[in-house]
Amino acid sequence: MAPIGHHGAVLLKLRNPNRTQTVPGPVKVSVLLDRLELNRESVLLIRNGTIVAGDTTLQDDDEVEIRPVISGGAL
């Protein structure tokens, strides 16, 4: 069963800070990130446990997690 308010929209779970919102679908990842003012290189989009590419089209009732990319290393 879909969460309340999720039917007919893409459910986004954004991290850092944690929040949830819905957007109408279908929508391409690249367009969604533009709307959210997020840089594609600074986040990962995960749908059903799989990272999705920028040209992927998200459909109504998809659940997508948007996580910031964290990198590190020695200087």
N, C-alpha and C. Protein backbone atom coordinates (compact mmCIF):
# COMPACT_ATOMS: atom_id res chain seq x y z
N MET A 1 0.84 -1.18 0.00
CA MET A 1 0.00 0.00 0.00
C MET A 1 0.88 1.24 0.00
N ALA A 2 0.56 2.19 -0.87
CA ALA A 2 1.36 3.41 -1.00
C ALA A 2 1.09 4.36 0.15
N PRO A 3 2.10 5.13 0.58
CA PRO A 3 1.88 6.12 1.62
C PRO A 3 0.84 7.15 1.20
N ILE A 4 0.18 7.75 2.17
CA ILE A 4 -0.82 8.78 1.88
C ILE A 4 -0.18 9.89 1.08
N GLY A 5 -0.86 10.34 0.02
CA GLY A 5 -0.35 11.42 -0.82
C GLY A 5 0.66 10.97 -1.85
N HIS A 6 0.96 9.69 -1.89
CA HIS A 6 1.98 9.18 -2.81
C HIS A 6 1.37 8.77 -4.14
N HIS A 7 0.16 8.26 -4.14
CA HIS A 7 -0.45 7.74 -5.37
C HIS A 7 -0.49 8.83 -6.44
N GLY A 8 0.00 8.51 -7.62
CA GLY A 8 -0.02 9.46 -8.72
C GLY A 8 1.11 10.46 -8.69
N ALA A 9 2.15 10.18 -7.91
CA ALA A 9 3.29 11.08 -7.85
C ALA A 9 4.53 10.29 -7.49
N VAL A 10 5.68 10.89 -7.78
CA VAL A 10 6.96 10.30 -7.40
C VAL A 10 7.23 10.70 -5.95
N LEU A 11 7.49 9.73 -5.09
CA LEU A 11 7.81 10.01 -3.69
C LEU A 11 9.31 10.17 -3.56
N LEU A 12 9.74 11.32 -3.07
CA LEU A 12 11.16 11.61 -2.89
C LEU A 12 11.51 11.55 -1.42
N LYS A 13 12.56 10.83 -1.08
CA LYS A 13 13.11 10.82 0.26
C LYS A 13 14.47 11.48 0.18
N LEU A 14 14.53 12.71 0.63
CA LEU A 14 15.77 13.48 0.55
C LEU A 14 16.52 13.35 1.87
N ARG A 15 17.83 13.29 1.78
CA ARG A 15 18.69 13.15 2.95
C ARG A 15 19.55 14.38 3.12
N ASN A 16 19.81 14.67 4.38
CA ASN A 16 20.72 15.74 4.78
C ASN A 16 20.27 17.13 4.33
N PRO A 17 19.23 17.70 4.89
CA PRO A 17 18.41 17.17 5.99
C PRO A 17 17.35 16.19 5.47
N ASN A 18 16.92 15.29 6.37
CA ASN A 18 15.91 14.29 6.01
C ASN A 18 14.56 14.97 5.84
N ARG A 19 13.94 14.68 4.71
CA ARG A 19 12.58 15.18 4.44
C ARG A 19 11.98 14.35 3.32
N THR A 20 10.68 14.42 3.19
CA THR A 20 9.97 13.69 2.15
C THR A 20 9.06 14.65 1.42
N GLN A 21 8.97 14.48 0.10
CA GLN A 21 8.03 15.27 -0.69
C GLN A 21 7.63 14.48 -1.92
N THR A 22 6.56 14.91 -2.55
CA THR A 22 6.12 14.26 -3.79
C THR A 22 6.18 15.26 -4.93
N VAL A 23 6.40 14.74 -6.13
CA VAL A 23 6.38 15.55 -7.34
C VAL A 23 5.60 14.79 -8.40
N PRO A 24 4.90 15.49 -9.27
CA PRO A 24 4.15 14.81 -10.32
C PRO A 24 5.09 14.09 -11.28
N GLY A 25 4.71 12.91 -11.70
CA GLY A 25 5.47 12.15 -12.69
C GLY A 25 4.62 12.01 -13.93
N PRO A 26 5.16 11.49 -14.99
CA PRO A 26 6.56 11.12 -15.14
C PRO A 26 7.46 12.36 -15.27
N VAL A 27 8.70 12.18 -14.83
CA VAL A 27 9.67 13.27 -14.88
C VAL A 27 11.07 12.68 -15.02
N LYS A 28 11.87 13.29 -15.88
CA LYS A 28 13.27 12.85 -16.04
C LYS A 28 14.07 13.29 -14.82
N VAL A 29 15.04 12.48 -14.44
CA VAL A 29 15.90 12.78 -13.31
C VAL A 29 16.54 14.15 -13.48
N SER A 30 17.06 14.45 -14.65
CA SER A 30 17.74 15.73 -14.88
C SER A 30 16.80 16.91 -14.66
N VAL A 31 15.55 16.79 -15.09
CA VAL A 31 14.56 17.86 -14.90
C VAL A 31 14.21 17.99 -13.42
N LEU A 32 14.03 16.86 -12.75
CA LEU A 32 13.72 16.87 -11.32
C LEU A 32 14.81 17.58 -10.53
N LEU A 33 16.06 17.24 -10.82
CA LEU A 33 17.17 17.87 -10.10
C LEU A 33 17.23 19.36 -10.37
N ASP A 34 16.94 19.78 -11.59
CA ASP A 34 16.88 21.21 -11.90
C ASP A 34 15.81 21.90 -11.06
N ARG A 35 14.64 21.27 -10.97
CA ARG A 35 13.53 21.83 -10.17
C ARG A 35 13.91 21.95 -8.70
N LEU A 36 14.65 20.97 -8.20
CA LEU A 36 15.07 20.97 -6.79
C LEU A 36 16.34 21.79 -6.56
N GLU A 37 16.91 22.32 -7.64
CA GLU A 37 18.14 23.10 -7.60
C GLU A 37 19.29 22.29 -6.99
N LEU A 38 19.38 21.02 -7.45
CA LEU A 38 20.45 20.14 -7.01
C LEU A 38 21.37 19.83 -8.18
N ASN A 39 22.67 19.78 -7.91
CA ASN A 39 23.66 19.45 -8.91
C ASN A 39 23.73 17.94 -9.06
N ARG A 40 23.61 17.42 -10.27
CA ARG A 40 23.61 15.97 -10.53
C ARG A 40 24.88 15.31 -10.00
N GLU A 41 25.98 16.01 -10.00
CA GLU A 41 27.24 15.42 -9.55
C GLU A 41 27.38 15.41 -8.03
N SER A 42 26.45 16.07 -7.33
CA SER A 42 26.56 16.13 -5.86
C SER A 42 25.59 15.19 -5.16
N VAL A 43 24.74 14.48 -5.93
CA VAL A 43 23.75 13.58 -5.32
C VAL A 43 23.68 12.26 -6.07
N LEU A 44 23.18 11.24 -5.36
CA LEU A 44 22.86 9.95 -5.95
C LEU A 44 21.35 9.77 -5.87
N LEU A 45 20.74 9.30 -6.94
CA LEU A 45 19.32 8.96 -6.93
C LEU A 45 19.20 7.45 -6.95
N ILE A 46 18.47 6.92 -6.00
CA ILE A 46 18.35 5.47 -5.83
C ILE A 46 16.88 5.09 -5.91
N ARG A 47 16.56 4.24 -6.88
CA ARG A 47 15.19 3.72 -7.04
C ARG A 47 15.25 2.21 -6.91
N ASN A 48 14.50 1.68 -5.96
CA ASN A 48 14.46 0.23 -5.73
C ASN A 48 15.86 -0.35 -5.54
N GLY A 49 16.72 0.36 -4.80
CA GLY A 49 18.04 -0.14 -4.50
C GLY A 49 19.07 0.02 -5.61
N THR A 50 18.67 0.67 -6.71
CA THR A 50 19.57 0.84 -7.86
C THR A 50 19.77 2.31 -8.16
N ILE A 51 21.02 2.71 -8.35
CA ILE A 51 21.31 4.09 -8.73
C ILE A 51 20.81 4.32 -10.15
N VAL A 52 20.13 5.44 -10.36
CA VAL A 52 19.57 5.74 -11.68
C VAL A 52 20.33 6.88 -12.35
N ALA A 53 20.40 6.83 -13.67
CA ALA A 53 21.12 7.83 -14.47
C ALA A 53 20.27 9.08 -14.67
N GLY A 54 20.91 10.16 -15.09
CA GLY A 54 20.25 11.44 -15.30
C GLY A 54 19.20 11.44 -16.39
N ASP A 55 19.30 10.51 -17.35
CA ASP A 55 18.32 10.47 -18.43
C ASP A 55 17.16 9.50 -18.14
N THR A 56 17.13 8.93 -16.93
CA THR A 56 16.06 8.02 -16.52
C THR A 56 14.78 8.82 -16.30
N THR A 57 13.66 8.25 -16.73
CA THR A 57 12.35 8.86 -16.47
C THR A 57 11.72 8.17 -15.28
N LEU A 58 11.40 8.95 -14.26
CA LEU A 58 10.73 8.44 -13.07
C LEU A 58 9.23 8.45 -13.32
N GLN A 59 8.55 7.41 -12.87
CA GLN A 59 7.12 7.27 -13.09
C GLN A 59 6.35 7.53 -11.80
N ASP A 60 5.05 7.86 -11.96
CA ASP A 60 4.18 7.96 -10.79
C ASP A 60 4.31 6.69 -9.99
N ASP A 61 4.26 6.80 -8.70
CA ASP A 61 4.36 5.69 -7.75
C ASP A 61 5.78 5.16 -7.55
N ASP A 62 6.80 5.75 -8.23
CA ASP A 62 8.19 5.41 -7.92
C ASP A 62 8.54 6.01 -6.57
N GLU A 63 9.39 5.32 -5.83
CA GLU A 63 9.96 5.85 -4.60
C GLU A 63 11.45 6.01 -4.82
N VAL A 64 11.94 7.22 -4.64
CA VAL A 64 13.33 7.54 -4.95
C VAL A 64 13.97 8.19 -3.74
N GLU A 65 15.17 7.73 -3.42
CA GLU A 65 15.95 8.35 -2.35
C GLU A 65 17.04 9.20 -3.00
N ILE A 66 17.17 10.43 -2.52
CA ILE A 66 18.21 11.32 -3.01
C ILE A 66 19.21 11.53 -1.88
N ARG A 67 20.43 11.05 -2.10
CA ARG A 67 21.49 11.13 -1.08
C ARG A 67 22.63 12.00 -1.58
N PRO A 68 23.22 12.79 -0.70
CA PRO A 68 24.40 13.55 -1.10
C PRO A 68 25.58 12.61 -1.32
N VAL A 69 26.39 12.94 -2.29
CA VAL A 69 27.62 12.19 -2.54
C VAL A 69 28.64 12.61 -1.49
N ILE A 70 29.24 11.63 -0.85
CA ILE A 70 30.27 11.90 0.15
C ILE A 70 31.56 11.27 -0.34
N SER A 71 32.58 12.07 -0.43
CA SER A 71 33.86 11.54 -0.86
C SER A 71 34.94 11.98 0.11
N GLY A 72 36.02 11.32 0.06
CA GLY A 72 37.12 11.67 0.92
C GLY A 72 38.39 11.02 0.43
N GLY A 73 39.42 11.27 1.12
CA GLY A 73 40.69 10.66 0.73
C GLY A 73 41.83 11.41 1.39
N ALA A 74 42.99 10.88 1.21
CA ALA A 74 44.18 11.49 1.78
C ALA A 74 44.74 12.55 0.83
N LEU A 75 45.31 13.54 1.40
CA LEU A 75 45.96 14.59 0.59
C LEU A 75 47.38 14.26 0.33
